[in-house]
Structures are given as C-alpha cells and as structure tokens.
Amino acid sequence: MAGLSFGLLGPIKVWSGGGELAAGSPQQRGVLALLLLSEGRQVSVDEIVRALWGLDAPPSAVVTTRTYVSRLRRILAGGEAEIRSAGRGYQLVVAPRAVDVPVFRQTTSAVREARERGRLAEASRLSRDALALWRGPALGGLGGAFFEGRRTWLERLRATAMEDRWALDIEQGHCDQAIAELTLATTAEPYRERLWELLIWAFDRDGRRDEAVSAYQRIARLLADDLGLEPGPGLRRMRARIGTAVGASLV
C-alpha cells in the first residue's frame, strides 16, 4: 500500500493512493492522532490511556489500547508508515511530508523566510498553500482535555498564518478582500488586537484614513470599557501612524 498520507487539520483522515481508508472508531483515531502528533517520539501506553480517558480510564483501558494499535497496524500494513513497539509504548514512523501538520508548519516557516527576503508573491502563494491544508477544526471528532489542548495549539498556529496572509495582501496593496475578511474576524474575536492592527493598516494602505481612525477608536473603547486596558504596542504604533497623518485626536 503506497502513497499513505494523514490529515489532522480537520477530521482525522488516512488516504492511500487518493482514496480514503477507514480509520476506525473515534478512540482508535485518537490513538493514531496522538502517534502522529508525537512526530516519531515514543509514546507510552500510559500516555495513550490518559489522552483517551483522562482520569476515568476503565480497567480494560490498556488491553483496549493494544487492540486499537493492532487494528491500526493492519490498516497501515504494506504502506509507508509503521507503528513500532518501543519500550513500554509505540512509535509511528512516517515521513513528515505525509502528515498535514508538519507540512503546514514547514510551509508557514517558508512563508516567513520568503517575506523576509522580499519575495512577497512567493510568500503569498505559500501562505495560501498552507491554509488550504485545513479542512475544518483541527482534530475533528476527538474530545477530552488532551485533544482540546492540542486543538487550541493548532488553531493558534492557523490564526497566526491567517494574520500573516492578510499582512502580505495589505503589503502588496490587495486591501479590499483583506478589509472584508478582517471586518468579520474582528467581529468574531473583538479583543484580538493583532486583527485590529491589520484592519487599521489595510484602511490606511487603501487611502481610507477616516475609517482607519474610526477602527482605532472602536478597539480603544472596547479595551477600555470591557477590559479596563490600554491599547498594546502594536495598536499604539498604528495610532501614531494614522494620528500623524490626520492630525486628529484618536482617544
């Protein structure tokens, strides 16, 4: 079975030669996800049990875990991935290019490198390639504290990648779509200052200075009224930028 690939950036998926393989029950997919997230590190049976059941593991948890591993080995048999016994646990040996999480992280790193070197068109293309790997919320279908924590980590990486993509669009003067998307994003996450920084920058870059001022005033009021906070350094830099340009009070 050649051409195996794995998806964690959405529901847990296994593909072979373009077709999807049945990966089993949610808990069995959880074992696979944990091994994939470990990126070749040995994972003990105890770690797997804690990830699947938390503090409420049944007496049969270890036996059930070994059953899941046995079934996964049969699913992956003959392919370019192998679950090996390692000490008191298991290790999944697979090429990083076959798993969407390391591909996403490597691609976003390449985005930053291309941008630093001034290759903005290349950075934009790579940014879209990275974000296209997402098929929905990360680790879809998996519950429990362990997977919620990993999901939060992955979603933060996605949010940063989105912010980098908007910054690239604005930097290249492609402001209309960025403004539309950032307007929705600031509504969904009204206290995420980086989103407001980008929205203000996009308005300013597009020559819509009054709207930039209005956006700054909105987030400054939100922070003060709801959280009792002053704008952070990034917003203050934007305030200086647009305040100097319009000669107006932004408080």
C-alpha atoms as a PDB file:
ATOM      1  CA  MET A   1       0.000   0.000   0.000  1.00  0.00           C
ATOM      2  CA  ALA A   2       1.906   3.044  -1.236  1.00  0.00           C
ATOM      3  CA  GLY A   3       1.185   6.744  -1.030  1.00  0.00           C
ATOM      4  CA  LEU A   4      -0.184   6.904   2.514  1.00  0.00           C
ATOM      5  CA  SER A   5      -0.992  10.368   3.851  1.00  0.00           C
ATOM      6  CA  PHE A   6      -2.621  11.602   7.043  1.00  0.00           C
ATOM      7  CA  GLY A   7      -4.866  14.537   7.906  1.00  0.00           C
ATOM      8  CA  LEU A   8      -5.194  16.092  11.358  1.00  0.00           C
ATOM      9  CA  LEU A   9      -6.221  19.603  10.269  1.00  0.00           C
ATOM     10  CA  GLY A  10      -9.890  18.700  10.212  1.00  0.00           C
ATOM     11  CA  PRO A  11     -11.478  15.294  10.863  1.00  0.00           C
ATOM     12  CA  ILE A  12      -8.840  12.565  11.286  1.00  0.00           C
ATOM     13  CA  LYS A  13      -8.221  11.039   7.859  1.00  0.00           C
ATOM     14  CA  VAL A  14      -5.996   8.412   6.264  1.00  0.00           C
ATOM     15  CA  TRP A  15      -5.615   8.339   2.490  1.00  0.00           C
ATOM     16  CA  SER A  16      -3.936   5.837   0.202  1.00  0.00           C
ATOM     17  CA  GLY A  17      -3.483   6.495  -3.488  1.00  0.00           C
ATOM     18  CA  GLY A  18      -6.119   9.223  -3.385  1.00  0.00           C
ATOM     19  CA  GLY A  19      -8.739   7.063  -1.656  1.00  0.00           C
ATOM     20  CA  GLU A  20      -9.755   7.282   1.983  1.00  0.00           C
ATOM     21  CA  LEU A  21      -9.160   4.397   4.382  1.00  0.00           C
ATOM     22  CA  ALA A  22     -11.481   3.670   7.299  1.00  0.00           C
ATOM     23  CA  ALA A  23      -9.527   4.610  10.432  1.00  0.00           C
ATOM     24  CA  GLY A  24     -11.938   3.091  12.938  1.00  0.00           C
ATOM     25  CA  SER A  25     -13.756   4.454  15.967  1.00  0.00           C
ATOM     26  CA  PRO A  26     -13.128   7.932  17.430  1.00  0.00           C
ATOM     27  CA  GLN A  27     -10.884   6.457  20.129  1.00  0.00           C
ATOM     28  CA  GLN A  28      -8.917   4.444  17.589  1.00  0.00           C
ATOM     29  CA  ARG A  29      -8.477   7.596  15.507  1.00  0.00           C
ATOM     30  CA  GLY A  30      -7.378   9.284  18.727  1.00  0.00           C
ATOM     31  CA  VAL A  31      -4.543   6.763  19.099  1.00  0.00           C
ATOM     32  CA  LEU A  32      -3.486   7.459  15.527  1.00  0.00           C
ATOM     33  CA  ALA A  33      -3.667  11.225  16.052  1.00  0.00           C
ATOM     34  CA  LEU A  34      -1.578  11.042  19.226  1.00  0.00           C
ATOM     35  CA  LEU A  35       1.117   8.999  17.492  1.00  0.00           C
ATOM     36  CA  LEU A  36       1.145  11.379  14.516  1.00  0.00           C
ATOM     37  CA  LEU A  37       1.332  14.466  16.736  1.00  0.00           C
ATOM     38  CA  SER A  38       4.315  12.932  18.523  1.00  0.00           C
ATOM     39  CA  GLU A  39       6.268  13.095  15.224  1.00  0.00           C
ATOM     40  CA  GLY A  40       8.285   9.923  15.729  1.00  0.00           C
ATOM     41  CA  ARG A  41       8.654  10.175  19.501  1.00  0.00           C
ATOM     42  CA  GLN A  42       7.951   7.090  21.585  1.00  0.00           C
ATOM     43  CA  VAL A  43       4.527   7.312  23.246  1.00  0.00           C
ATOM     44  CA  SER A  44       3.900   5.142  26.288  1.00  0.00           C
ATOM     45  CA  VAL A  45       0.725   3.154  26.750  1.00  0.00           C
ATOM     46  CA  ASP A  46       0.068   5.232  29.881  1.00  0.00           C
ATOM     47  CA  GLU A  47       0.189   8.438  27.793  1.00  0.00           C
ATOM     48  CA  ILE A  48      -2.292   6.996  25.321  1.00  0.00           C
ATOM     49  CA  VAL A  49      -4.631   5.906  28.109  1.00  0.00           C
ATOM     50  CA  ARG A  50      -4.541   9.382  29.695  1.00  0.00           C
ATOM     51  CA  ALA A  51      -5.211  11.045  26.342  1.00  0.00           C
ATOM     52  CA  LEU A  52      -8.195   8.804  25.588  1.00  0.00           C
ATOM     53  CA  TRP A  53      -9.815   8.509  29.008  1.00  0.00           C
ATOM     54  CA  GLY A  54      -8.256  11.140  31.251  1.00  0.00           C
ATOM     55  CA  LEU A  55      -8.695  10.198  34.903  1.00  0.00           C
ATOM     56  CA  ASP A  56     -11.643   7.904  34.158  1.00  0.00           C
ATOM     57  CA  ALA A  57      -9.828   5.043  32.446  1.00  0.00           C
ATOM     58  CA  PRO A  58     -11.645   1.701  32.783  1.00  0.00           C
ATOM     59  CA  PRO A  59      -9.778  -1.422  33.956  1.00  0.00           C
ATOM     60  CA  SER A  60      -9.709  -2.606  30.339  1.00  0.00           C
ATOM     61  CA  ALA A  61      -8.013   0.570  29.035  1.00  0.00           C
ATOM     62  CA  VAL A  62      -4.572  -0.950  28.434  1.00  0.00           C
ATOM     63  CA  VAL A  63      -5.974  -4.000  26.643  1.00  0.00           C
ATOM     64  CA  THR A  64      -8.275  -1.779  24.576  1.00  0.00           C
ATOM     65  CA  THR A  65      -5.342   0.461  23.651  1.00  0.00           C
ATOM     66  CA  ARG A  66      -3.331  -2.519  22.426  1.00  0.00           C
ATOM     67  CA  THR A  67      -6.346  -3.641  20.393  1.00  0.00           C
ATOM     68  CA  TYR A  68      -6.556  -0.219  18.725  1.00  0.00           C
ATOM     69  CA  VAL A  69      -2.851  -0.353  17.875  1.00  0.00           C
ATOM     70  CA  SER A  70      -3.230  -3.840  16.399  1.00  0.00           C
ATOM     71  CA  ARG A  71      -6.104  -2.670  14.204  1.00  0.00           C
ATOM     72  CA  LEU A  72      -4.180   0.406  13.078  1.00  0.00           C
ATOM     73  CA  ARG A  73      -1.219  -1.763  12.127  1.00  0.00           C
ATOM     74  CA  ARG A  74      -3.488  -3.799   9.875  1.00  0.00           C
ATOM     75  CA  ILE A  75      -4.860  -0.625   8.274  1.00  0.00           C
ATOM     76  CA  LEU A  76      -1.350   0.693   7.587  1.00  0.00           C
ATOM     77  CA  ALA A  77       0.177  -2.658   6.600  1.00  0.00           C
ATOM     78  CA  GLY A  78       2.271  -2.507   3.450  1.00  0.00           C
ATOM     79  CA  GLY A  79       2.293   1.266   3.364  1.00  0.00           C
ATOM     80  CA  GLU A  80       4.891   3.921   4.027  1.00  0.00           C
ATOM     81  CA  ALA A  81       4.049   4.182   7.719  1.00  0.00           C
ATOM     82  CA  GLU A  82       4.712   1.715  10.512  1.00  0.00           C
ATOM     83  CA  ILE A  83       3.718   1.526  14.166  1.00  0.00           C
ATOM     84  CA  ARG A  84       6.647   0.018  16.051  1.00  0.00           C
ATOM     85  CA  SER A  85       6.730  -1.262  19.600  1.00  0.00           C
ATOM     86  CA  ALA A  86       9.142   0.897  21.589  1.00  0.00           C
ATOM     87  CA  GLY A  87       9.825   0.280  25.264  1.00  0.00           C
ATOM     88  CA  ARG A  88       6.502   0.413  27.099  1.00  0.00           C
ATOM     89  CA  GLY A  89       4.745   2.077  24.209  1.00  0.00           C
ATOM     90  CA  TYR A  90       4.711   2.734  20.488  1.00  0.00           C
ATOM     91  CA  GLN A  91       6.341   4.854  17.821  1.00  0.00           C
ATOM     92  CA  LEU A  92       4.817   5.771  14.466  1.00  0.00           C
ATOM     93  CA  VAL A  93       7.460   6.002  11.767  1.00  0.00           C
ATOM     94  CA  VAL A  94       6.263   8.087   8.820  1.00  0.00           C
ATOM     95  CA  ALA A  95       7.747  10.724   6.538  1.00  0.00           C
ATOM     96  CA  PRO A  96       6.824  14.249   7.730  1.00  0.00           C
ATOM     97  CA  ARG A  97       5.677  15.129   4.200  1.00  0.00           C
ATOM     98  CA  ALA A  98       2.876  12.554   4.586  1.00  0.00           C
ATOM     99  CA  VAL A  99       1.258  14.364   7.546  1.00  0.00           C
ATOM    100  CA  ASP A 100      -0.511  17.692   7.138  1.00  0.00           C
ATOM    101  CA  VAL A 101       0.587  19.214  10.471  1.00  0.00           C
ATOM    102  CA  PRO A 102       4.358  19.169   9.800  1.00  0.00           C
ATOM    103  CA  VAL A 103       3.710  20.176   6.179  1.00  0.00           C
ATOM    104  CA  PHE A 104       1.675  23.145   7.436  1.00  0.00           C
ATOM    105  CA  ARG A 105       4.361  24.197   9.905  1.00  0.00           C
ATOM    106  CA  GLN A 106       7.168  23.842   7.360  1.00  0.00           C
ATOM    107  CA  THR A 107       5.210  25.825   4.787  1.00  0.00           C
ATOM    108  CA  THR A 108       4.406  28.664   7.194  1.00  0.00           C
ATOM    109  CA  SER A 109       8.096  28.811   8.080  1.00  0.00           C
ATOM    110  CA  ALA A 110       8.870  29.109   4.362  1.00  0.00           C
ATOM    111  CA  VAL A 111       6.320  31.945   4.149  1.00  0.00           C
ATOM    112  CA  ARG A 112       8.198  33.944   6.773  1.00  0.00           C
ATOM    113  CA  GLU A 113      11.538  33.273   5.087  1.00  0.00           C
ATOM    114  CA  ALA A 114      10.246  34.370   1.668  1.00  0.00           C
ATOM    115  CA  ARG A 115       8.722  37.517   3.141  1.00  0.00           C
ATOM    116  CA  GLU A 116      11.942  38.418   4.961  1.00  0.00           C
ATOM    117  CA  ARG A 117      13.777  38.138   1.636  1.00  0.00           C
ATOM    118  CA  GLY A 118      11.258  40.385  -0.092  1.00  0.00           C
ATOM    119  CA  ARG A 119       9.716  37.629  -2.226  1.00  0.00           C
ATOM    120  CA  LEU A 120       6.153  38.672  -1.472  1.00  0.00           C
ATOM    121  CA  ALA A 121       4.401  36.898  -4.357  1.00  0.00           C
ATOM    122  CA  GLU A 122       6.090  33.624  -3.414  1.00  0.00           C
ATOM    123  CA  ALA A 123       5.204  34.169   0.245  1.00  0.00           C
ATOM    124  CA  SER A 124       1.556  34.764  -0.684  1.00  0.00           C
ATOM    125  CA  ARG A 125       1.413  31.577  -2.754  1.00  0.00           C
ATOM    126  CA  LEU A 126       2.965  29.536   0.047  1.00  0.00           C
ATOM    127  CA  SER A 127       0.619  31.105   2.581  1.00  0.00           C
ATOM    128  CA  ARG A 128      -2.420  30.034   0.594  1.00  0.00           C
ATOM    129  CA  ASP A 129      -0.963  26.554   0.122  1.00  0.00           C
ATOM    130  CA  ALA A 130      -0.532  26.227   3.892  1.00  0.00           C
ATOM    131  CA  LEU A 131      -4.041  27.398   4.737  1.00  0.00           C
ATOM    132  CA  ALA A 132      -5.549  25.144   2.050  1.00  0.00           C
ATOM    133  CA  LEU A 133      -4.442  22.135   4.122  1.00  0.00           C
ATOM    134  CA  TRP A 134      -7.160  22.923   6.657  1.00  0.00           C
ATOM    135  CA  ARG A 135     -10.439  21.042   6.176  1.00  0.00           C
ATOM    136  CA  GLY A 136     -12.181  22.243   9.334  1.00  0.00           C
ATOM    137  CA  PRO A 137     -11.414  22.461  13.069  1.00  0.00           C
ATOM    138  CA  ALA A 138      -8.241  20.552  13.891  1.00  0.00           C
ATOM    139  CA  LEU A 139      -8.563  17.026  15.309  1.00  0.00           C
ATOM    140  CA  GLY A 140     -12.232  16.936  14.412  1.00  0.00           C
ATOM    141  CA  GLY A 141     -14.241  14.306  16.238  1.00  0.00           C
ATOM    142  CA  LEU A 142     -11.793  13.924  19.141  1.00  0.00           C
ATOM    143  CA  GLY A 143     -12.747  15.030  22.651  1.00  0.00           C
ATOM    144  CA  GLY A 144     -11.076  15.195  26.037  1.00  0.00           C
ATOM    145  CA  ALA A 145      -8.620  17.566  27.675  1.00  0.00           C
ATOM    146  CA  PHE A 146      -5.556  16.295  25.818  1.00  0.00           C
ATOM    147  CA  PHE A 147      -7.009  16.767  22.354  1.00  0.00           C
ATOM    148  CA  GLU A 148      -8.657  20.069  23.301  1.00  0.00           C
ATOM    149  CA  GLY A 149      -5.228  21.353  24.293  1.00  0.00           C
ATOM    150  CA  ARG A 150      -3.639  20.216  21.043  1.00  0.00           C
ATOM    151  CA  ARG A 151      -6.570  21.627  19.076  1.00  0.00           C
ATOM    152  CA  THR A 152      -6.088  25.024  20.733  1.00  0.00           C
ATOM    153  CA  TRP A 153      -2.382  24.961  19.840  1.00  0.00           C
ATOM    154  CA  LEU A 154      -3.080  24.110  16.212  1.00  0.00           C
ATOM    155  CA  GLU A 155      -5.844  26.697  15.901  1.00  0.00           C
ATOM    156  CA  ARG A 156      -3.448  29.351  17.214  1.00  0.00           C
ATOM    157  CA  LEU A 157      -0.975  28.390  14.501  1.00  0.00           C
ATOM    158  CA  ARG A 158      -3.765  28.713  11.960  1.00  0.00           C
ATOM    159  CA  ALA A 159      -4.762  32.144  13.293  1.00  0.00           C
ATOM    160  CA  THR A 160      -1.169  33.353  13.023  1.00  0.00           C
ATOM    161  CA  ALA A 161      -0.949  32.011   9.468  1.00  0.00           C
ATOM    162  CA  MET A 162      -4.149  33.866   8.562  1.00  0.00           C
ATOM    163  CA  GLU A 163      -2.737  37.082  10.029  1.00  0.00           C
ATOM    164  CA  ASP A 164       0.454  36.607   8.018  1.00  0.00           C
ATOM    165  CA  ARG A 165      -1.597  36.119   4.847  1.00  0.00           C
ATOM    166  CA  TRP A 166      -3.586  39.308   5.464  1.00  0.00           C
ATOM    167  CA  ALA A 167      -0.362  41.206   6.136  1.00  0.00           C
ATOM    168  CA  LEU A 168       1.043  40.001   2.817  1.00  0.00           C
ATOM    169  CA  ASP A 169      -2.122  41.036   0.991  1.00  0.00           C
ATOM    170  CA  ILE A 170      -2.025  44.503   2.547  1.00  0.00           C
ATOM    171  CA  GLU A 171       1.686  44.894   1.898  1.00  0.00           C
ATOM    172  CA  GLN A 172       1.055  44.211  -1.802  1.00  0.00           C
ATOM    173  CA  GLY A 173      -1.893  46.606  -1.952  1.00  0.00           C
ATOM    174  CA  HIS A 174      -4.604  43.913  -2.141  1.00  0.00           C
ATOM    175  CA  CYS A 175      -6.687  45.589   0.544  1.00  0.00           C
ATOM    176  CA  ASP A 176     -10.348  45.098  -0.401  1.00  0.00           C
ATOM    177  CA  GLN A 177     -10.591  41.394   0.413  1.00  0.00           C
ATOM    178  CA  ALA A 178      -8.366  41.798   3.462  1.00  0.00           C
ATOM    179  CA  ILE A 179     -10.651  44.538   4.804  1.00  0.00           C
ATOM    180  CA  ALA A 180     -13.762  42.417   4.236  1.00  0.00           C
ATOM    181  CA  GLU A 181     -12.251  39.373   5.956  1.00  0.00           C
ATOM    182  CA  LEU A 182     -10.710  41.366   8.805  1.00  0.00           C
ATOM    183  CA  THR A 183     -14.015  43.116   9.464  1.00  0.00           C
ATOM    184  CA  LEU A 184     -15.589  39.692  10.013  1.00  0.00           C
ATOM    185  CA  ALA A 185     -12.606  38.500  12.042  1.00  0.00           C
ATOM    186  CA  THR A 186     -12.697  41.472  14.430  1.00  0.00           C
ATOM    187  CA  THR A 187     -16.398  40.832  14.965  1.00  0.00           C
ATOM    188  CA  ALA A 188     -15.712  37.186  15.824  1.00  0.00           C
ATOM    189  CA  GLU A 189     -12.705  37.995  18.061  1.00  0.00           C
ATOM    190  CA  PRO A 190     -13.213  41.599  19.161  1.00  0.00           C
ATOM    191  CA  TYR A 191     -10.349  41.671  21.687  1.00  0.00           C
ATOM    192  CA  ARG A 192      -7.618  40.218  19.436  1.00  0.00           C
ATOM    193  CA  GLU A 193      -5.543  43.335  18.928  1.00  0.00           C
ATOM    194  CA  ARG A 194      -3.483  41.991  16.029  1.00  0.00           C
ATOM    195  CA  LEU A 195      -6.640  41.755  13.908  1.00  0.00           C
ATOM    196  CA  TRP A 196      -7.435  45.407  14.566  1.00  0.00           C
ATOM    197  CA  GLU A 197      -3.848  46.419  13.770  1.00  0.00           C
ATOM    198  CA  LEU A 198      -4.178  44.733  10.390  1.00  0.00           C
ATOM    199  CA  LEU A 199      -7.600  46.257   9.722  1.00  0.00           C
ATOM    200  CA  ILE A 200      -6.343  49.755  10.556  1.00  0.00           C
ATOM    201  CA  TRP A 201      -3.287  49.198   8.356  1.00  0.00           C
ATOM    202  CA  ALA A 202      -5.477  47.964   5.483  1.00  0.00           C
ATOM    203  CA  PHE A 203      -7.725  51.038   5.684  1.00  0.00           C
ATOM    204  CA  ASP A 204      -4.680  53.307   5.812  1.00  0.00           C
ATOM    205  CA  ARG A 205      -2.924  51.498   2.943  1.00  0.00           C
ATOM    206  CA  ASP A 206      -6.105  51.793   0.860  1.00  0.00           C
ATOM    207  CA  GLY A 207      -6.335  55.543   1.450  1.00  0.00           C
ATOM    208  CA  ARG A 208      -9.363  55.225   3.743  1.00  0.00           C
ATOM    209  CA  ARG A 209      -7.861  57.221   6.583  1.00  0.00           C
ATOM    210  CA  ASP A 210     -11.136  58.184   8.284  1.00  0.00           C
ATOM    211  CA  GLU A 211     -12.108  54.517   8.524  1.00  0.00           C
ATOM    212  CA  ALA A 212      -8.685  53.709   9.956  1.00  0.00           C
ATOM    213  CA  VAL A 213      -9.219  56.338  12.656  1.00  0.00           C
ATOM    214  CA  SER A 214     -12.715  55.005  13.369  1.00  0.00           C
ATOM    215  CA  ALA A 215     -11.411  51.431  13.690  1.00  0.00           C
ATOM    216  CA  TYR A 216      -8.746  52.552  16.167  1.00  0.00           C
ATOM    217  CA  GLN A 217     -11.330  54.401  18.226  1.00  0.00           C
ATOM    218  CA  ARG A 218     -13.603  51.334  18.314  1.00  0.00           C
ATOM    219  CA  ILE A 219     -10.940  48.966  19.617  1.00  0.00           C
ATOM    220  CA  ALA A 220      -9.618  51.544  22.104  1.00  0.00           C
ATOM    221  CA  ARG A 221     -13.125  51.920  23.550  1.00  0.00           C
ATOM    222  CA  LEU A 222     -13.682  48.159  23.638  1.00  0.00           C
ATOM    223  CA  LEU A 223     -10.463  47.569  25.538  1.00  0.00           C
ATOM    224  CA  ALA A 224     -11.120  50.402  27.983  1.00  0.00           C
ATOM    225  CA  ASP A 225     -14.825  49.770  28.607  1.00  0.00           C
ATOM    226  CA  ASP A 226     -14.853  45.961  28.646  1.00  0.00           C
ATOM    227  CA  LEU A 227     -11.407  45.032  29.955  1.00  0.00           C
ATOM    228  CA  GLY A 228     -10.033  48.169  31.575  1.00  0.00           C
ATOM    229  CA  LEU A 229      -6.970  48.020  29.319  1.00  0.00           C
ATOM    230  CA  GLU A 230      -4.974  50.444  27.219  1.00  0.00           C
ATOM    231  CA  PRO A 231      -4.124  49.544  23.599  1.00  0.00           C
ATOM    232  CA  GLY A 232      -0.981  47.445  23.267  1.00  0.00           C
ATOM    233  CA  PRO A 233       2.260  48.410  21.486  1.00  0.00           C
ATOM    234  CA  GLY A 234       1.081  47.377  18.015  1.00  0.00           C
ATOM    235  CA  LEU A 235      -2.075  49.452  18.225  1.00  0.00           C
ATOM    236  CA  ARG A 236      -0.133  52.383  19.636  1.00  0.00           C
ATOM    237  CA  ARG A 237       2.176  52.244  16.619  1.00  0.00           C
ATOM    238  CA  MET A 238      -0.865  52.335  14.345  1.00  0.00           C
ATOM    239  CA  ARG A 239      -2.253  55.262  16.336  1.00  0.00           C
ATOM    240  CA  ALA A 240       0.988  57.177  15.801  1.00  0.00           C
ATOM    241  CA  ARG A 241       0.925  56.353  12.103  1.00  0.00           C
ATOM    242  CA  ILE A 242      -2.600  57.480  11.360  1.00  0.00           C
ATOM    243  CA  GLY A 243      -2.649  60.212  14.018  1.00  0.00           C
ATOM    244  CA  THR A 244       0.356  61.892  12.452  1.00  0.00           C
ATOM    245  CA  ALA A 245      -1.270  61.676   9.053  1.00  0.00           C
ATOM    246  CA  VAL A 246      -4.606  63.215  10.012  1.00  0.00           C
ATOM    247  CA  GLY A 247      -3.513  65.440  12.886  1.00  0.00           C
ATOM    248  CA  ALA A 248      -6.522  64.307  14.903  1.00  0.00           C
ATOM    249  CA  SER A 249      -7.064  63.058  18.413  1.00  0.00           C
ATOM    250  CA  LEU A 250      -7.678  59.320  18.424  1.00  0.00           C
ATOM    251  CA  VAL A 251      -8.554  58.942  22.078  1.00  0.00           C
END
